[in-house]
Amino acid sequence: MPLQESGQMYLETIYVLSREKTSVHSIDVSEHMGYSKPSVSRAIGILKSGGYVEMAEDGALTLTESGRSVAEKIYERHTILTEFLIRIGVDRETAAADACKMEHDISDVSLMALKRFVET
């Protein structure tokens, strides 16, 4: 079963936070995403049972290999789309918000074309 958009967003958030912090906990995810602790806890449970996330005894979250793969793909999509929108004149805040909506639906073909554009 493919991972839903919300699951992808959680994985991306854990990935982004893990680049900024030595350990990531559910409370960090909750604060970053603006979701309630029970909602995050439920989502993390689903991601754990799907094999995307592991939780240490102290509650620290770690992406599994498959979780990291999904997170990196979504993060790259977000980065490329944000940069493209900024280059065509959209302000950074709006570009980031719009990229977040677009990153889950854009085709690989279109994304690769945007990536080539952004890298030139």
N, C-alpha and C. Protein backbone atom coordinates (compact mmCIF):
# COMPACT_ATOMS: atom_id res chain seq x y z
N MET A 1 0.85 -1.19 0.00
CA MET A 1 0.00 0.00 0.00
C MET A 1 0.89 1.24 0.00
N PRO A 2 0.65 2.17 -0.94
CA PRO A 2 1.48 3.38 -0.98
C PRO A 2 1.25 4.28 0.25
N LEU A 3 2.30 4.96 0.59
CA LEU A 3 2.25 5.87 1.74
C LEU A 3 1.41 7.09 1.40
N GLN A 4 0.49 7.45 2.28
CA GLN A 4 -0.35 8.62 2.04
C GLN A 4 0.45 9.90 2.16
N GLU A 5 -0.11 10.97 1.61
CA GLU A 5 0.56 12.27 1.63
C GLU A 5 0.92 12.70 3.05
N SER A 6 0.02 12.47 4.01
CA SER A 6 0.32 12.88 5.38
C SER A 6 1.51 12.11 5.94
N GLY A 7 1.62 10.84 5.61
CA GLY A 7 2.76 10.05 6.05
C GLY A 7 4.05 10.58 5.45
N GLN A 8 3.99 10.96 4.18
CA GLN A 8 5.15 11.55 3.52
C GLN A 8 5.57 12.84 4.23
N MET A 9 4.60 13.63 4.63
CA MET A 9 4.90 14.90 5.31
C MET A 9 5.58 14.64 6.66
N TYR A 10 5.11 13.64 7.39
CA TYR A 10 5.75 13.31 8.66
C TYR A 10 7.19 12.86 8.45
N LEU A 11 7.41 12.01 7.45
CA LEU A 11 8.77 11.55 7.17
C LEU A 11 9.67 12.71 6.78
N GLU A 12 9.16 13.60 5.94
CA GLU A 12 9.95 14.76 5.54
C GLU A 12 10.28 15.62 6.76
N THR A 13 9.33 15.81 7.65
CA THR A 13 9.56 16.61 8.85
C THR A 13 10.63 15.98 9.74
N ILE A 14 10.55 14.68 9.94
CA ILE A 14 11.57 13.99 10.75
C ILE A 14 12.94 14.15 10.09
N TYR A 15 12.98 14.02 8.77
CA TYR A 15 14.23 14.17 8.02
C TYR A 15 14.81 15.58 8.21
N VAL A 16 13.98 16.60 8.01
CA VAL A 16 14.43 17.99 8.15
C VAL A 16 14.92 18.25 9.57
N LEU A 17 14.14 17.82 10.56
CA LEU A 17 14.54 18.04 11.95
C LEU A 17 15.82 17.30 12.29
N SER A 18 16.01 16.10 11.73
CA SER A 18 17.22 15.33 12.03
C SER A 18 18.47 15.98 11.44
N ARG A 19 18.28 16.83 10.45
CA ARG A 19 19.41 17.58 9.89
C ARG A 19 19.78 18.75 10.80
N GLU A 20 18.85 19.16 11.64
CA GLU A 20 19.07 20.31 12.52
C GLU A 20 19.39 19.92 13.96
N LYS A 21 18.94 18.74 14.39
CA LYS A 21 19.08 18.33 15.79
C LYS A 21 19.75 16.96 15.88
N THR A 22 20.37 16.68 17.02
CA THR A 22 21.02 15.39 17.20
C THR A 22 19.99 14.27 17.41
N SER A 23 18.85 14.58 18.02
CA SER A 23 17.79 13.58 18.13
C SER A 23 16.44 14.26 17.98
N VAL A 24 15.51 13.53 17.39
CA VAL A 24 14.18 14.04 17.10
C VAL A 24 13.17 13.21 17.88
N HIS A 25 12.26 13.90 18.56
CA HIS A 25 11.20 13.24 19.32
C HIS A 25 9.84 13.67 18.77
N SER A 26 8.81 12.96 19.14
CA SER A 26 7.46 13.27 18.68
C SER A 26 7.06 14.70 18.99
N ILE A 27 7.49 15.21 20.15
CA ILE A 27 7.15 16.59 20.52
C ILE A 27 7.76 17.58 19.54
N ASP A 28 8.95 17.28 19.03
CA ASP A 28 9.58 18.15 18.03
C ASP A 28 8.75 18.17 16.75
N VAL A 29 8.30 17.00 16.35
CA VAL A 29 7.47 16.88 15.15
C VAL A 29 6.16 17.64 15.35
N SER A 30 5.57 17.47 16.52
CA SER A 30 4.32 18.14 16.86
C SER A 30 4.46 19.66 16.77
N GLU A 31 5.52 20.18 17.37
CA GLU A 31 5.75 21.63 17.36
C GLU A 31 6.05 22.14 15.96
N HIS A 32 6.85 21.40 15.19
CA HIS A 32 7.22 21.83 13.85
C HIS A 32 6.02 21.86 12.91
N MET A 33 5.17 20.85 13.01
CA MET A 33 4.04 20.73 12.09
C MET A 33 2.78 21.45 12.59
N GLY A 34 2.76 21.77 13.88
CA GLY A 34 1.59 22.42 14.46
C GLY A 34 0.44 21.46 14.69
N TYR A 35 0.76 20.19 14.90
CA TYR A 35 -0.28 19.16 15.14
C TYR A 35 -0.27 18.79 16.61
N SER A 36 -1.39 18.27 17.08
CA SER A 36 -1.48 17.85 18.48
C SER A 36 -0.60 16.63 18.73
N LYS A 37 -0.20 16.47 19.98
CA LYS A 37 0.63 15.31 20.35
C LYS A 37 -0.07 13.99 20.06
N PRO A 38 -1.37 13.86 20.36
CA PRO A 38 -2.04 12.59 20.03
C PRO A 38 -2.07 12.29 18.53
N SER A 39 -2.24 13.31 17.70
CA SER A 39 -2.24 13.10 16.25
C SER A 39 -0.87 12.62 15.78
N VAL A 40 0.18 13.24 16.30
CA VAL A 40 1.54 12.85 15.93
C VAL A 40 1.83 11.44 16.42
N SER A 41 1.42 11.14 17.62
CA SER A 41 1.64 9.82 18.19
C SER A 41 0.98 8.74 17.33
N ARG A 42 -0.23 8.99 16.90
CA ARG A 42 -0.95 8.04 16.05
C ARG A 42 -0.21 7.86 14.73
N ALA A 43 0.19 8.96 14.12
CA ALA A 43 0.88 8.90 12.83
C ALA A 43 2.22 8.17 12.96
N ILE A 44 2.95 8.43 14.03
CA ILE A 44 4.24 7.77 14.24
C ILE A 44 4.02 6.26 14.41
N GLY A 45 2.95 5.89 15.10
CA GLY A 45 2.62 4.47 15.26
C GLY A 45 2.38 3.80 13.92
N ILE A 46 1.67 4.48 13.03
CA ILE A 46 1.41 3.95 11.69
C ILE A 46 2.72 3.83 10.91
N LEU A 47 3.56 4.85 10.99
CA LEU A 47 4.84 4.83 10.28
C LEU A 47 5.77 3.74 10.84
N LYS A 48 5.71 3.52 12.15
CA LYS A 48 6.50 2.44 12.75
C LYS A 48 6.03 1.09 12.24
N SER A 49 4.72 0.87 12.24
CA SER A 49 4.20 -0.42 11.79
C SER A 49 4.43 -0.64 10.30
N GLY A 50 4.58 0.45 9.54
CA GLY A 50 4.87 0.36 8.12
C GLY A 50 6.35 0.18 7.82
N GLY A 51 7.18 0.24 8.87
CA GLY A 51 8.61 0.05 8.67
C GLY A 51 9.35 1.29 8.20
N TYR A 52 8.77 2.46 8.42
CA TYR A 52 9.40 3.71 7.98
C TYR A 52 10.17 4.42 9.09
N VAL A 53 9.78 4.16 10.34
CA VAL A 53 10.37 4.87 11.48
C VAL A 53 10.63 3.86 12.61
N GLU A 54 11.71 4.10 13.33
CA GLU A 54 11.99 3.34 14.55
C GLU A 54 12.03 4.32 15.71
N MET A 55 11.65 3.82 16.90
CA MET A 55 11.67 4.67 18.09
C MET A 55 12.54 4.01 19.15
N ALA A 56 13.52 4.76 19.64
CA ALA A 56 14.40 4.28 20.70
C ALA A 56 13.66 4.30 22.03
N GLU A 57 14.26 3.68 23.04
CA GLU A 57 13.64 3.65 24.37
C GLU A 57 13.40 5.04 24.93
N ASP A 58 14.29 5.99 24.57
CA ASP A 58 14.12 7.37 25.06
C ASP A 58 13.14 8.18 24.22
N GLY A 59 12.52 7.53 23.22
CA GLY A 59 11.54 8.21 22.38
C GLY A 59 12.12 8.86 21.13
N ALA A 60 13.43 8.76 20.95
CA ALA A 60 14.05 9.36 19.76
C ALA A 60 13.61 8.62 18.51
N LEU A 61 13.27 9.38 17.48
CA LEU A 61 12.79 8.82 16.22
C LEU A 61 13.93 8.74 15.22
N THR A 62 13.99 7.63 14.51
CA THR A 62 14.98 7.44 13.46
C THR A 62 14.27 6.89 12.24
N LEU A 63 14.63 7.43 11.09
CA LEU A 63 14.07 6.91 9.84
C LEU A 63 14.77 5.61 9.47
N THR A 64 14.00 4.63 9.04
CA THR A 64 14.58 3.41 8.50
C THR A 64 15.11 3.73 7.11
N GLU A 65 15.73 2.76 6.47
CA GLU A 65 16.23 2.97 5.12
C GLU A 65 15.08 3.36 4.18
N SER A 66 13.96 2.67 4.27
CA SER A 66 12.83 3.01 3.38
C SER A 66 12.22 4.36 3.76
N GLY A 67 12.18 4.67 5.05
CA GLY A 67 11.67 5.96 5.49
C GLY A 67 12.55 7.10 5.02
N ARG A 68 13.84 6.90 5.09
CA ARG A 68 14.80 7.92 4.64
C ARG A 68 14.69 8.12 3.14
N SER A 69 14.51 7.05 2.41
CA SER A 69 14.39 7.13 0.96
C SER A 69 13.18 7.98 0.56
N VAL A 70 12.04 7.73 1.19
CA VAL A 70 10.83 8.52 0.91
C VAL A 70 11.06 9.97 1.31
N ALA A 71 11.61 10.19 2.50
CA ALA A 71 11.81 11.55 3.01
C ALA A 71 12.75 12.35 2.11
N GLU A 72 13.83 11.73 1.68
CA GLU A 72 14.78 12.44 0.81
C GLU A 72 14.14 12.80 -0.52
N LYS A 73 13.33 11.91 -1.05
CA LYS A 73 12.65 12.18 -2.33
C LYS A 73 11.68 13.36 -2.18
N ILE A 74 10.90 13.36 -1.12
CA ILE A 74 9.94 14.45 -0.90
C ILE A 74 10.68 15.75 -0.64
N TYR A 75 11.75 15.70 0.14
CA TYR A 75 12.53 16.90 0.45
C TYR A 75 13.14 17.48 -0.83
N GLU A 76 13.66 16.62 -1.69
CA GLU A 76 14.24 17.10 -2.95
C GLU A 76 13.15 17.75 -3.80
N ARG A 77 11.99 17.13 -3.88
CA ARG A 77 10.88 17.71 -4.65
C ARG A 77 10.53 19.09 -4.10
N HIS A 78 10.44 19.18 -2.79
CA HIS A 78 10.09 20.44 -2.14
C HIS A 78 11.13 21.52 -2.47
N THR A 79 12.39 21.15 -2.37
CA THR A 79 13.48 22.09 -2.63
C THR A 79 13.48 22.58 -4.07
N ILE A 80 13.32 21.66 -5.01
CA ILE A 80 13.31 22.03 -6.44
C ILE A 80 12.11 22.93 -6.74
N LEU A 81 10.94 22.55 -6.26
CA LEU A 81 9.74 23.35 -6.53
C LEU A 81 9.83 24.73 -5.90
N THR A 82 10.34 24.80 -4.68
CA THR A 82 10.50 26.09 -4.01
C THR A 82 11.42 26.99 -4.80
N GLU A 83 12.57 26.45 -5.21
CA GLU A 83 13.55 27.23 -5.96
C GLU A 83 12.96 27.71 -7.29
N PHE A 84 12.25 26.82 -7.97
CA PHE A 84 11.63 27.20 -9.24
C PHE A 84 10.65 28.36 -9.05
N LEU A 85 9.79 28.24 -8.06
CA LEU A 85 8.79 29.29 -7.81
C LEU A 85 9.45 30.63 -7.45
N ILE A 86 10.52 30.57 -6.67
CA ILE A 86 11.25 31.80 -6.32
C ILE A 86 11.84 32.43 -7.58
N ARG A 87 12.41 31.60 -8.45
CA ARG A 87 13.02 32.12 -9.68
C ARG A 87 12.03 32.78 -10.62
N ILE A 88 10.77 32.36 -10.55
CA ILE A 88 9.78 32.99 -11.43
C ILE A 88 9.05 34.14 -10.73
N GLY A 89 9.55 34.53 -9.55
CA GLY A 89 9.05 35.74 -8.92
C GLY A 89 8.15 35.58 -7.72
N VAL A 90 7.98 34.37 -7.23
CA VAL A 90 7.13 34.15 -6.04
C VAL A 90 7.99 34.39 -4.80
N ASP A 91 7.43 35.05 -3.79
CA ASP A 91 8.20 35.27 -2.56
C ASP A 91 8.48 33.93 -1.87
N ARG A 92 9.57 33.90 -1.09
CA ARG A 92 10.05 32.65 -0.48
C ARG A 92 8.98 31.94 0.35
N GLU A 93 8.26 32.67 1.19
CA GLU A 93 7.26 32.05 2.07
C GLU A 93 6.14 31.39 1.27
N THR A 94 5.62 32.11 0.28
CA THR A 94 4.56 31.56 -0.56
C THR A 94 5.08 30.39 -1.38
N ALA A 95 6.29 30.53 -1.91
CA ALA A 95 6.90 29.46 -2.71
C ALA A 95 7.02 28.17 -1.89
N ALA A 96 7.48 28.28 -0.66
CA ALA A 96 7.64 27.11 0.20
C ALA A 96 6.28 26.47 0.51
N ALA A 97 5.28 27.30 0.79
CA ALA A 97 3.94 26.78 1.09
C ALA A 97 3.34 26.09 -0.13
N ASP A 98 3.48 26.70 -1.30
CA ASP A 98 2.94 26.11 -2.52
C ASP A 98 3.68 24.84 -2.90
N ALA A 99 5.00 24.84 -2.73
CA ALA A 99 5.80 23.65 -3.03
C ALA A 99 5.35 22.47 -2.19
N CYS A 100 4.98 22.75 -0.95
CA CYS A 100 4.51 21.72 -0.04
C CYS A 100 3.25 21.05 -0.59
N LYS A 101 2.40 21.81 -1.23
CA LYS A 101 1.17 21.27 -1.81
C LYS A 101 1.45 20.52 -3.11
N MET A 102 2.42 20.99 -3.87
CA MET A 102 2.70 20.44 -5.19
C MET A 102 3.58 19.19 -5.16
N GLU A 103 4.43 19.07 -4.14
CA GLU A 103 5.46 18.03 -4.14
C GLU A 103 4.92 16.61 -4.19
N HIS A 104 3.68 16.40 -3.79
CA HIS A 104 3.11 15.06 -3.72
C HIS A 104 2.44 14.64 -5.03
N ASP A 105 2.13 15.59 -5.88
CA ASP A 105 1.35 15.29 -7.08
C ASP A 105 2.09 15.46 -8.40
N ILE A 106 3.19 16.17 -8.39
CA ILE A 106 3.89 16.44 -9.65
C ILE A 106 4.52 15.15 -10.19
N SER A 107 4.47 14.98 -11.49
CA SER A 107 5.05 13.78 -12.10
C SER A 107 6.57 13.85 -12.05
N ASP A 108 7.19 12.69 -12.14
CA ASP A 108 8.65 12.63 -12.17
C ASP A 108 9.20 13.34 -13.40
N VAL A 109 8.48 13.24 -14.53
CA VAL A 109 8.91 13.88 -15.77
C VAL A 109 8.95 15.40 -15.60
N SER A 110 7.88 15.96 -15.06
CA SER A 110 7.84 17.42 -14.86
C SER A 110 8.88 17.85 -13.83
N LEU A 111 9.03 17.07 -12.77
CA LEU A 111 10.00 17.42 -11.75
C LEU A 111 11.42 17.44 -12.32
N MET A 112 11.75 16.46 -13.15
CA MET A 112 13.09 16.41 -13.74
C MET A 112 13.32 17.62 -14.66
N ALA A 113 12.29 18.03 -15.38
CA ALA A 113 12.41 19.22 -16.23
C ALA A 113 12.65 20.46 -15.37
N LEU A 114 11.92 20.58 -14.28
CA LEU A 114 12.12 21.72 -13.37
C LEU A 114 13.51 21.66 -12.73
N LYS A 115 13.96 20.48 -12.41
CA LYS A 115 15.29 20.32 -11.81
C LYS A 115 16.37 20.80 -12.79
N ARG A 116 16.25 20.42 -14.06
CA ARG A 116 17.22 20.87 -15.07
C ARG A 116 17.17 22.39 -15.20
N PHE A 117 15.97 22.97 -15.15
CA PHE A 117 15.81 24.41 -15.25
C PHE A 117 16.48 25.11 -14.08
N VAL A 118 16.23 24.62 -12.89
CA VAL A 118 16.76 25.23 -11.67
C VAL A 118 18.28 25.12 -11.61
N GLU A 119 18.82 24.04 -12.12
CA GLU A 119 20.27 23.81 -12.05
C GLU A 119 21.05 24.56 -13.12
N THR A 120 20.37 25.23 -14.06
CA THR A 120 21.09 25.95 -15.10
C THR A 120 21.30 27.40 -14.72
